[in-house]
Amino acid sequence: MAHKKVNLPEKICKTCNRPFAWRKKWEKNWEEVLYCSDKCRMNKTK
């Protein structure tokens, strides 16, 4: 069964200012997610 990724919530990454979409692994804490990747999270002070 194929899924289409339409109408997923998006946020803007605090580090790179690029949009990123909701992921299943962020289901329980989507409100706290601020960064699109571990790389951006580690470079958050730049």
C-alpha atoms as a PDB file:
ATOM      1  CA  MET A   1       0.000   0.000   0.000  1.00  0.00           C
ATOM      2  CA  ALA A   2       1.605   3.240  -1.153  1.00  0.00           C
ATOM      3  CA  HIS A   3       1.291   6.419   0.886  1.00  0.00           C
ATOM      4  CA  LYS A   4       1.366   9.897  -0.541  1.00  0.00           C
ATOM      5  CA  LYS A   5       2.966  12.551   1.595  1.00  0.00           C
ATOM      6  CA  VAL A   6       0.438  15.303   1.159  1.00  0.00           C
ATOM      7  CA  ASN A   7      -0.974  17.591   3.805  1.00  0.00           C
ATOM      8  CA  LEU A   8       1.716  16.788   6.360  1.00  0.00           C
ATOM      9  CA  PRO A   9       2.466  19.572   8.830  1.00  0.00           C
ATOM     10  CA  GLU A  10       5.663  21.508   8.206  1.00  0.00           C
ATOM     11  CA  LYS A  11       7.981  23.651  10.292  1.00  0.00           C
ATOM     12  CA  ILE A  12      10.985  25.852   9.552  1.00  0.00           C
ATOM     13  CA  CYS A  13      14.315  24.669  10.929  1.00  0.00           C
ATOM     14  CA  LYS A  14      15.805  27.078  13.480  1.00  0.00           C
ATOM     15  CA  THR A  15      19.348  26.571  12.125  1.00  0.00           C
ATOM     16  CA  CYS A  16      19.123  26.332   8.327  1.00  0.00           C
ATOM     17  CA  ASN A  17      15.748  28.085   7.861  1.00  0.00           C
ATOM     18  CA  ARG A  18      14.520  25.372   5.487  1.00  0.00           C
ATOM     19  CA  PRO A  19      11.103  23.743   5.742  1.00  0.00           C
ATOM     20  CA  PHE A  20      10.840  20.173   6.978  1.00  0.00           C
ATOM     21  CA  ALA A  21       7.826  17.890   7.169  1.00  0.00           C
ATOM     22  CA  TRP A  22       6.352  15.807   9.967  1.00  0.00           C
ATOM     23  CA  ARG A  23       7.845  12.346  10.484  1.00  0.00           C
ATOM     24  CA  LYS A  24       6.366   9.307  12.194  1.00  0.00           C
ATOM     25  CA  LYS A  25       9.250   9.255  14.714  1.00  0.00           C
ATOM     26  CA  TRP A  26       8.253  12.779  15.814  1.00  0.00           C
ATOM     27  CA  GLU A  27       4.622  11.790  16.376  1.00  0.00           C
ATOM     28  CA  LYS A  28       4.721  12.043  20.174  1.00  0.00           C
ATOM     29  CA  ASN A  29       6.802  15.217  20.454  1.00  0.00           C
ATOM     30  CA  TRP A  30       6.114  17.216  17.269  1.00  0.00           C
ATOM     31  CA  GLU A  31       5.543  20.385  19.288  1.00  0.00           C
ATOM     32  CA  GLU A  32       9.095  20.235  20.693  1.00  0.00           C
ATOM     33  CA  VAL A  33      10.869  19.504  17.388  1.00  0.00           C
ATOM     34  CA  LEU A  34      12.872  22.570  16.311  1.00  0.00           C
ATOM     35  CA  TYR A  35      15.542  21.210  13.958  1.00  0.00           C
ATOM     36  CA  CYS A  36      15.302  19.251  10.713  1.00  0.00           C
ATOM     37  CA  SER A  37      18.265  16.975  11.425  1.00  0.00           C
ATOM     38  CA  ASP A  38      20.903  15.982  13.960  1.00  0.00           C
ATOM     39  CA  LYS A  39      23.427  18.069  12.019  1.00  0.00           C
ATOM     40  CA  CYS A  40      21.325  21.220  12.486  1.00  0.00           C
ATOM     41  CA  ARG A  41      20.704  20.376  16.120  1.00  0.00           C
ATOM     42  CA  MET A  42      24.455  20.084  16.756  1.00  0.00           C
ATOM     43  CA  ASN A  43      25.169  23.371  14.932  1.00  0.00           C
ATOM     44  CA  LYS A  44      22.393  25.337  16.603  1.00  0.00           C
ATOM     45  CA  THR A  45      24.736  28.031  17.958  1.00  0.00           C
ATOM     46  CA  LYS A  46      25.990  29.027  14.498  1.00  0.00           C
END
